[in-house]
Amino acid sequence: MKIKKGDTVYIRCGAARGKTGRVLNVNPNKGKILVEGINMRKKNQRPTQKSPKGGIITIEAPIDLSNVALYSSSLGGPTKTITKVIDEGGRKKKVRVCRETGEQI
């Protein structure tokens, strides 16, 4: 999986097309991710001891992984990535690298 929690992603499809957001959660088994401020849905909340009033709350709903791409701030848009192995202090480490600019993500 190329997208991880905390990454900035570009939305390619749907009502939020062209927007960017930070990844809050990734579910690789279902192929879904949760993006901050994207795909907002309303939910009816029952009154509980924590929130005695209840009411309607707005939450993020998951979107499909195929509808997003990693966002590159240097390009100002979506980017494709490759994985490179670098030698860091005698230890090998895998890093994601932007294909167009070659910068580490």
N, C-alpha and C. Protein backbone atom coordinates (compact mmCIF):
# COMPACT_ATOMS: atom_id res chain seq x y z
N MET A 1 0.84 -1.17 0.00
CA MET A 1 0.00 0.00 0.00
C MET A 1 0.89 1.24 0.00
N LYS A 2 0.63 2.16 -0.91
CA LYS A 2 1.48 3.34 -1.06
C LYS A 2 1.03 4.52 -0.21
N ILE A 3 -0.21 4.49 0.26
CA ILE A 3 -0.73 5.61 1.05
C ILE A 3 -0.77 5.20 2.51
N LYS A 4 -0.27 6.09 3.38
CA LYS A 4 -0.20 5.81 4.80
C LYS A 4 -0.89 6.92 5.59
N LYS A 5 -1.12 6.66 6.86
CA LYS A 5 -1.73 7.64 7.75
C LYS A 5 -0.83 8.87 7.84
N GLY A 6 -1.41 10.06 7.73
CA GLY A 6 -0.65 11.30 7.81
C GLY A 6 -0.25 11.87 6.47
N ASP A 7 -0.38 11.10 5.38
CA ASP A 7 -0.05 11.60 4.05
C ASP A 7 -1.08 12.62 3.59
N THR A 8 -0.67 13.49 2.68
CA THR A 8 -1.59 14.40 2.04
C THR A 8 -1.98 13.79 0.70
N VAL A 9 -3.28 13.70 0.44
CA VAL A 9 -3.76 13.07 -0.78
C VAL A 9 -4.60 14.03 -1.60
N TYR A 10 -4.67 13.76 -2.90
CA TYR A 10 -5.44 14.53 -3.87
C TYR A 10 -6.63 13.67 -4.27
N ILE A 11 -7.85 14.23 -4.21
CA ILE A 11 -9.06 13.49 -4.55
C ILE A 11 -9.26 13.57 -6.06
N ARG A 12 -9.33 12.40 -6.72
CA ARG A 12 -9.42 12.35 -8.18
C ARG A 12 -10.85 12.21 -8.70
N CYS A 13 -11.78 11.69 -7.90
CA CYS A 13 -13.14 11.42 -8.37
C CYS A 13 -14.16 11.86 -7.33
N GLY A 14 -15.38 12.03 -7.77
CA GLY A 14 -16.48 12.31 -6.86
C GLY A 14 -16.76 13.78 -6.67
N ALA A 15 -17.58 14.10 -5.69
CA ALA A 15 -18.01 15.47 -5.44
C ALA A 15 -16.86 16.35 -4.95
N ALA A 16 -15.86 15.76 -4.31
CA ALA A 16 -14.73 16.52 -3.76
C ALA A 16 -13.54 16.52 -4.71
N ARG A 17 -13.77 16.27 -5.98
CA ARG A 17 -12.69 16.19 -6.97
C ARG A 17 -11.84 17.47 -6.99
N GLY A 18 -10.52 17.28 -6.93
CA GLY A 18 -9.60 18.41 -6.97
C GLY A 18 -9.19 18.92 -5.60
N LYS A 19 -9.83 18.45 -4.54
CA LYS A 19 -9.49 18.88 -3.18
C LYS A 19 -8.36 18.02 -2.63
N THR A 20 -7.71 18.53 -1.58
CA THR A 20 -6.67 17.77 -0.90
C THR A 20 -7.01 17.66 0.58
N GLY A 21 -6.46 16.63 1.21
CA GLY A 21 -6.70 16.44 2.63
C GLY A 21 -5.70 15.48 3.23
N ARG A 22 -5.66 15.46 4.56
CA ARG A 22 -4.73 14.59 5.29
C ARG A 22 -5.43 13.28 5.63
N VAL A 23 -4.71 12.16 5.48
CA VAL A 23 -5.27 10.84 5.74
C VAL A 23 -5.34 10.61 7.25
N LEU A 24 -6.53 10.25 7.74
CA LEU A 24 -6.72 9.98 9.16
C LEU A 24 -6.62 8.50 9.49
N ASN A 25 -7.08 7.65 8.56
CA ASN A 25 -7.11 6.22 8.82
C ASN A 25 -7.06 5.48 7.49
N VAL A 26 -6.38 4.31 7.48
CA VAL A 26 -6.29 3.49 6.28
C VAL A 26 -6.77 2.08 6.63
N ASN A 27 -7.67 1.53 5.81
CA ASN A 27 -8.14 0.16 5.99
C ASN A 27 -7.74 -0.64 4.75
N PRO A 28 -6.57 -1.30 4.76
CA PRO A 28 -6.11 -2.01 3.56
C PRO A 28 -6.95 -3.23 3.19
N ASN A 29 -7.62 -3.86 4.17
CA ASN A 29 -8.45 -5.03 3.87
C ASN A 29 -9.66 -4.67 3.02
N LYS A 30 -10.28 -3.53 3.30
CA LYS A 30 -11.44 -3.09 2.54
C LYS A 30 -11.07 -2.15 1.40
N GLY A 31 -9.82 -1.65 1.40
CA GLY A 31 -9.40 -0.72 0.36
C GLY A 31 -10.03 0.66 0.52
N LYS A 32 -10.22 1.09 1.76
CA LYS A 32 -10.86 2.38 2.06
C LYS A 32 -9.93 3.24 2.91
N ILE A 33 -10.05 4.56 2.76
CA ILE A 33 -9.31 5.49 3.61
C ILE A 33 -10.25 6.58 4.10
N LEU A 34 -9.86 7.20 5.20
CA LEU A 34 -10.60 8.29 5.81
C LEU A 34 -9.77 9.55 5.64
N VAL A 35 -10.32 10.56 4.97
CA VAL A 35 -9.59 11.80 4.69
C VAL A 35 -10.26 12.94 5.44
N GLU A 36 -9.43 13.76 6.09
CA GLU A 36 -9.93 14.86 6.90
C GLU A 36 -10.67 15.90 6.06
N GLY A 37 -11.94 16.16 6.40
CA GLY A 37 -12.74 17.18 5.74
C GLY A 37 -13.32 16.78 4.39
N ILE A 38 -13.17 15.52 3.99
CA ILE A 38 -13.67 15.06 2.70
C ILE A 38 -14.74 14.00 2.94
N ASN A 39 -15.78 13.99 2.09
CA ASN A 39 -16.88 13.01 2.16
C ASN A 39 -17.60 13.08 3.50
N MET A 40 -18.01 14.28 3.87
CA MET A 40 -18.69 14.50 5.15
C MET A 40 -20.14 13.99 5.08
N ARG A 41 -20.55 13.27 6.11
CA ARG A 41 -21.90 12.73 6.21
C ARG A 41 -22.51 13.12 7.54
N LYS A 42 -23.84 13.23 7.56
CA LYS A 42 -24.55 13.56 8.80
C LYS A 42 -25.02 12.26 9.45
N LYS A 43 -24.95 12.23 10.78
CA LYS A 43 -25.33 11.04 11.54
C LYS A 43 -26.19 11.48 12.71
N ASN A 44 -27.28 10.74 12.95
CA ASN A 44 -28.13 11.03 14.09
C ASN A 44 -27.54 10.38 15.33
N GLN A 45 -27.28 11.19 16.37
CA GLN A 45 -26.66 10.71 17.61
C GLN A 45 -27.73 10.64 18.70
N ARG A 46 -27.85 9.47 19.31
CA ARG A 46 -28.81 9.31 20.41
C ARG A 46 -28.26 9.98 21.66
N PRO A 47 -29.13 10.45 22.53
CA PRO A 47 -28.66 11.01 23.81
C PRO A 47 -27.99 9.93 24.67
N THR A 48 -26.81 10.25 25.20
CA THR A 48 -26.09 9.35 26.10
C THR A 48 -25.68 10.14 27.33
N GLN A 49 -25.00 9.48 28.27
CA GLN A 49 -24.52 10.20 29.44
C GLN A 49 -23.44 11.21 29.06
N LYS A 50 -22.63 10.86 28.07
CA LYS A 50 -21.57 11.80 27.65
C LYS A 50 -22.15 13.00 26.93
N SER A 51 -23.12 12.77 26.04
CA SER A 51 -23.77 13.88 25.35
C SER A 51 -25.28 13.76 25.56
N PRO A 52 -25.78 14.40 26.62
CA PRO A 52 -27.20 14.23 26.98
C PRO A 52 -28.17 14.81 25.95
N LYS A 53 -27.70 15.73 25.12
CA LYS A 53 -28.59 16.33 24.13
C LYS A 53 -28.77 15.45 22.89
N GLY A 54 -27.70 14.78 22.47
CA GLY A 54 -27.77 14.01 21.23
C GLY A 54 -27.76 14.96 20.05
N GLY A 55 -28.51 14.67 18.99
CA GLY A 55 -28.63 15.55 17.85
C GLY A 55 -27.95 15.00 16.60
N ILE A 56 -27.74 15.87 15.64
CA ILE A 56 -27.14 15.48 14.37
C ILE A 56 -25.68 15.92 14.36
N ILE A 57 -24.77 14.96 14.10
CA ILE A 57 -23.35 15.28 14.04
C ILE A 57 -22.84 15.03 12.62
N THR A 58 -21.74 15.68 12.26
CA THR A 58 -21.14 15.51 10.95
C THR A 58 -19.82 14.76 11.11
N ILE A 59 -19.66 13.67 10.35
CA ILE A 59 -18.44 12.86 10.43
C ILE A 59 -17.92 12.59 9.01
N GLU A 60 -16.64 12.19 8.93
CA GLU A 60 -16.06 11.80 7.65
C GLU A 60 -16.43 10.36 7.36
N ALA A 61 -16.77 10.08 6.12
CA ALA A 61 -17.06 8.71 5.69
C ALA A 61 -15.88 8.22 4.85
N PRO A 62 -15.60 6.93 4.88
CA PRO A 62 -14.47 6.42 4.11
C PRO A 62 -14.70 6.52 2.61
N ILE A 63 -13.62 6.69 1.85
CA ILE A 63 -13.69 6.70 0.39
C ILE A 63 -12.75 5.63 -0.14
N ASP A 64 -12.99 5.21 -1.36
CA ASP A 64 -12.21 4.14 -1.95
C ASP A 64 -10.79 4.59 -2.24
N LEU A 65 -9.86 3.67 -2.07
CA LEU A 65 -8.45 3.96 -2.24
C LEU A 65 -8.11 4.32 -3.69
N SER A 66 -8.88 3.80 -4.63
CA SER A 66 -8.61 4.06 -6.04
C SER A 66 -8.97 5.48 -6.46
N ASN A 67 -9.72 6.20 -5.61
CA ASN A 67 -10.16 7.56 -5.94
C ASN A 67 -9.21 8.64 -5.45
N VAL A 68 -8.06 8.26 -4.88
CA VAL A 68 -7.11 9.25 -4.37
C VAL A 68 -5.72 8.97 -4.93
N ALA A 69 -4.88 10.01 -4.91
CA ALA A 69 -3.47 9.90 -5.29
C ALA A 69 -2.66 10.73 -4.32
N LEU A 70 -1.41 10.34 -4.11
CA LEU A 70 -0.53 11.13 -3.24
C LEU A 70 -0.34 12.52 -3.83
N TYR A 71 -0.30 13.52 -2.95
CA TYR A 71 -0.16 14.91 -3.37
C TYR A 71 1.28 15.36 -3.18
N SER A 72 1.83 15.99 -4.20
CA SER A 72 3.19 16.52 -4.12
C SER A 72 3.11 18.04 -4.05
N SER A 73 3.64 18.61 -2.98
CA SER A 73 3.59 20.06 -2.81
C SER A 73 4.49 20.77 -3.82
N SER A 74 5.58 20.13 -4.24
CA SER A 74 6.48 20.76 -5.20
C SER A 74 5.85 20.82 -6.60
N LEU A 75 5.06 19.80 -6.95
CA LEU A 75 4.37 19.80 -8.24
C LEU A 75 3.05 20.55 -8.17
N GLY A 76 2.46 20.59 -6.98
CA GLY A 76 1.17 21.25 -6.82
C GLY A 76 0.01 20.40 -7.31
N GLY A 77 0.21 19.09 -7.34
CA GLY A 77 -0.83 18.19 -7.80
C GLY A 77 -0.51 16.75 -7.46
N PRO A 78 -1.26 15.82 -8.06
CA PRO A 78 -1.03 14.41 -7.76
C PRO A 78 0.27 13.91 -8.36
N THR A 79 0.82 12.86 -7.77
CA THR A 79 2.07 12.30 -8.25
C THR A 79 2.06 10.78 -8.14
N LYS A 80 2.88 10.14 -8.94
CA LYS A 80 3.11 8.71 -8.84
C LYS A 80 4.40 8.52 -8.08
N THR A 81 4.50 7.38 -7.39
CA THR A 81 5.69 7.14 -6.58
C THR A 81 6.35 5.83 -6.96
N ILE A 82 7.63 5.74 -6.62
CA ILE A 82 8.37 4.49 -6.71
C ILE A 82 9.04 4.26 -5.36
N THR A 83 9.41 3.03 -5.11
CA THR A 83 10.08 2.69 -3.85
C THR A 83 11.55 2.46 -4.12
N LYS A 84 12.40 3.13 -3.35
CA LYS A 84 13.84 2.95 -3.46
C LYS A 84 14.38 2.48 -2.12
N VAL A 85 15.47 1.72 -2.18
CA VAL A 85 16.14 1.26 -0.97
C VAL A 85 17.38 2.12 -0.80
N ILE A 86 17.50 2.78 0.37
CA ILE A 86 18.67 3.61 0.63
C ILE A 86 19.44 3.02 1.80
N ASP A 87 20.73 3.32 1.85
CA ASP A 87 21.58 2.85 2.93
C ASP A 87 21.73 3.97 3.94
N GLU A 88 21.20 3.75 5.13
CA GLU A 88 21.21 4.79 6.16
C GLU A 88 21.94 4.26 7.40
N GLY A 89 23.19 4.63 7.54
CA GLY A 89 23.98 4.21 8.71
C GLY A 89 24.19 2.71 8.77
N GLY A 90 24.43 2.09 7.64
CA GLY A 90 24.65 0.65 7.61
C GLY A 90 23.37 -0.18 7.58
N ARG A 91 22.21 0.47 7.62
CA ARG A 91 20.93 -0.22 7.57
C ARG A 91 20.21 0.15 6.29
N LYS A 92 19.55 -0.82 5.68
CA LYS A 92 18.79 -0.55 4.47
C LYS A 92 17.38 -0.13 4.85
N LYS A 93 16.88 0.89 4.15
CA LYS A 93 15.57 1.45 4.47
C LYS A 93 14.82 1.72 3.17
N LYS A 94 13.53 1.34 3.12
CA LYS A 94 12.70 1.61 1.95
C LYS A 94 12.07 2.99 2.10
N VAL A 95 12.13 3.79 1.04
CA VAL A 95 11.51 5.12 1.04
C VAL A 95 10.69 5.29 -0.23
N ARG A 96 9.65 6.13 -0.13
CA ARG A 96 8.84 6.47 -1.30
C ARG A 96 9.42 7.72 -1.95
N VAL A 97 9.55 7.69 -3.26
CA VAL A 97 10.16 8.80 -4.01
C VAL A 97 9.21 9.20 -5.13
N CYS A 98 9.05 10.51 -5.32
CA CYS A 98 8.23 11.06 -6.40
C CYS A 98 8.90 10.74 -7.74
N ARG A 99 8.12 10.24 -8.70
CA ARG A 99 8.70 9.88 -10.01
C ARG A 99 9.19 11.09 -10.78
N GLU A 100 8.44 12.18 -10.77
CA GLU A 100 8.77 13.33 -11.60
C GLU A 100 9.95 14.13 -11.02
N THR A 101 9.92 14.42 -9.71
CA THR A 101 10.95 15.29 -9.12
C THR A 101 12.08 14.54 -8.46
N GLY A 102 11.83 13.30 -8.05
CA GLY A 102 12.86 12.52 -7.38
C GLY A 102 12.99 12.84 -5.89
N GLU A 103 12.10 13.65 -5.35
CA GLU A 103 12.19 13.98 -3.91
C GLU A 103 11.52 12.91 -3.08
N GLN A 104 12.01 12.74 -1.86
CA GLN A 104 11.51 11.74 -0.93
C GLN A 104 10.20 12.22 -0.31
N ILE A 105 9.24 11.33 -0.21
CA ILE A 105 7.93 11.68 0.37
C ILE A 105 7.87 11.21 1.80
